[in-house]
Protein backbone atom coordinates (compact mmCIF):
# COMPACT_ATOMS: atom_id res chain seq x y z
CA MET A 1 -32.53 3.36 21.91
CA ASN A 2 -31.62 7.19 21.48
CA ILE A 3 -28.94 8.93 19.51
CA LYS A 4 -25.69 8.16 21.48
CA GLU A 5 -26.38 4.49 21.53
CA LEU A 6 -27.24 4.45 17.69
CA LEU A 7 -24.58 6.19 16.67
CA LYS A 8 -22.05 4.47 18.71
CA THR A 9 -23.89 1.30 17.29
CA VAL A 10 -23.16 2.25 13.86
CA ASP A 11 -19.79 3.60 14.17
CA LYS A 12 -18.96 -0.35 15.03
CA GLY A 13 -20.43 -2.06 12.22
CA TRP A 14 -20.36 0.58 9.32
CA VAL A 15 -17.73 0.32 7.01
CA GLN A 16 -15.21 2.97 7.36
CA LYS A 17 -13.82 5.11 4.54
CA PRO A 18 -9.83 5.08 4.02
CA LYS A 19 -8.71 8.31 5.78
CA GLY A 20 -5.58 7.56 3.39
CA PHE A 21 -3.46 5.22 1.27
CA ARG A 22 0.24 4.77 1.16
CA VAL A 23 2.55 1.87 -0.93
CA CYS A 24 4.52 -0.24 0.31
CA TYR A 25 7.78 -1.46 -0.99
CA GLN A 26 10.82 -3.60 0.50
CA LYS A 27 14.30 -2.99 -1.29
CA ARG A 28 17.40 -5.02 -0.37
CA VAL A 29 20.28 -2.86 1.49
CA ASN A 30 23.10 -4.75 2.49
CA ASP A 31 21.90 -8.34 1.51
CA GLU A 32 18.83 -6.91 4.08
CA PHE A 33 15.15 -6.60 3.04
CA MET A 34 13.55 -3.12 4.21
CA THR A 35 9.87 -1.77 3.94
CA GLU A 36 9.72 1.60 3.58
CA TYR A 37 6.38 3.44 2.62
CA MET A 38 5.51 6.30 -0.23
CA PRO A 39 4.77 8.71 1.09
CA ASN A 40 7.01 8.05 4.70
CA GLU A 41 4.64 7.60 7.50
CA LYS A 42 5.81 11.57 8.28
CA ASP A 43 4.27 12.86 5.64
CA ASN A 44 0.62 13.39 4.90
CA PRO A 45 -0.82 9.89 2.76
CA LEU A 46 -2.57 9.52 -0.50
CA ASP A 47 -5.85 10.26 -0.83
CA SER A 48 -6.78 7.87 -3.87
CA ASP A 49 -6.43 4.52 -4.32
CA ILE A 50 -6.51 5.37 -7.89
CA VAL A 51 -3.42 7.52 -7.27
CA ALA A 52 -1.64 5.61 -4.57
CA TRP A 53 -2.34 2.01 -7.32
CA ARG A 54 -0.58 4.16 -10.61
CA SER A 55 2.45 4.73 -8.64
CA ALA A 56 2.36 1.30 -7.49
CA TRP A 57 3.01 0.28 -11.21
CA LYS A 58 4.83 3.47 -12.00
CA LEU A 59 8.08 2.30 -9.12
CA HIS A 60 7.25 -1.32 -10.35
CA GLN A 61 8.17 0.01 -13.59
CA ALA A 62 11.04 2.60 -13.30
CA THR A 63 13.22 -0.04 -10.47
CA LEU A 64 13.18 -3.26 -12.33
CA THR A 65 16.31 -5.45 -13.51
CA ASP A 66 16.91 -7.75 -15.73
CA GLY A 67 18.92 -9.78 -14.39
CA PRO A 68 18.03 -12.46 -12.37
CA GLU A 69 19.32 -11.04 -8.87
CA ILE A 70 17.62 -9.05 -6.89
CA ALA A 71 19.93 -5.30 -7.70
CA GLU A 72 20.29 -2.76 -4.72
CA ASP A 73 18.41 0.00 -6.10
CA GLU A 74 15.35 -2.25 -7.41
CA LEU A 75 11.56 -2.67 -5.14
CA VAL A 76 9.65 -5.79 -4.18
CA ASN A 77 6.90 -6.94 -2.72
CA ILE A 78 5.23 -3.51 -4.24
CA TYR A 79 1.31 -3.25 -2.86
CA VAL A 80 -1.50 -0.38 -1.43
CA ILE A 81 -2.03 0.42 2.15
CA ASP A 82 -4.39 2.49 4.00
CA ASP A 83 -4.05 4.56 6.57
CA THR A 84 -4.32 1.77 8.86
CA GLY A 85 -1.59 -0.56 7.47
CA LYS A 86 -4.46 -2.98 6.32
CA ARG A 87 -3.85 -4.30 2.54
CA ILE A 88 -6.33 -2.82 -0.41
CA LYS A 89 -7.36 -4.52 -3.56
CA TYR A 90 -6.16 -3.65 -6.99
CA TYR A 91 -9.38 -0.89 -7.80
CA ALA A 92 -9.51 -2.83 -11.25
CA THR A 93 -9.51 -6.42 -10.65
CA ASP A 94 -10.88 -6.38 -7.18
CA LEU A 95 -8.02 -8.69 -6.34
CA PHE A 96 -4.96 -7.64 -4.16
CA GLU A 97 -2.06 -7.61 -6.33
CA VAL A 98 1.43 -7.50 -5.97
CA TYR A 99 4.25 -6.22 -7.90
CA ASN A 100 7.45 -7.36 -8.37
CA PRO A 101 6.43 -10.43 -5.74
CA TYR A 102 9.72 -11.86 -4.19
CA PRO A 103 9.58 -14.65 -1.40
């Protein structure tokens, strides 16, 4: 095996570090749920999963409403994804978390 083959093999089986993180959420617009991201897909992603999860929690806290119905500005199904769109586990519990889950 030469170096080139070694690097190909290692790249295939090695756990790759994400290149960035985004907060994924849904909000109600005209009775439909739209999926959005923070930062949006045109902007650079966040460089830390911790910052992404803290941002997700702050968005959840800032947009939560008291009523039984979901308000137009309330965010639901808030979680963190990596640069490939894969969900990221919450760093404190090592579980897949969703803030303000809505069926």
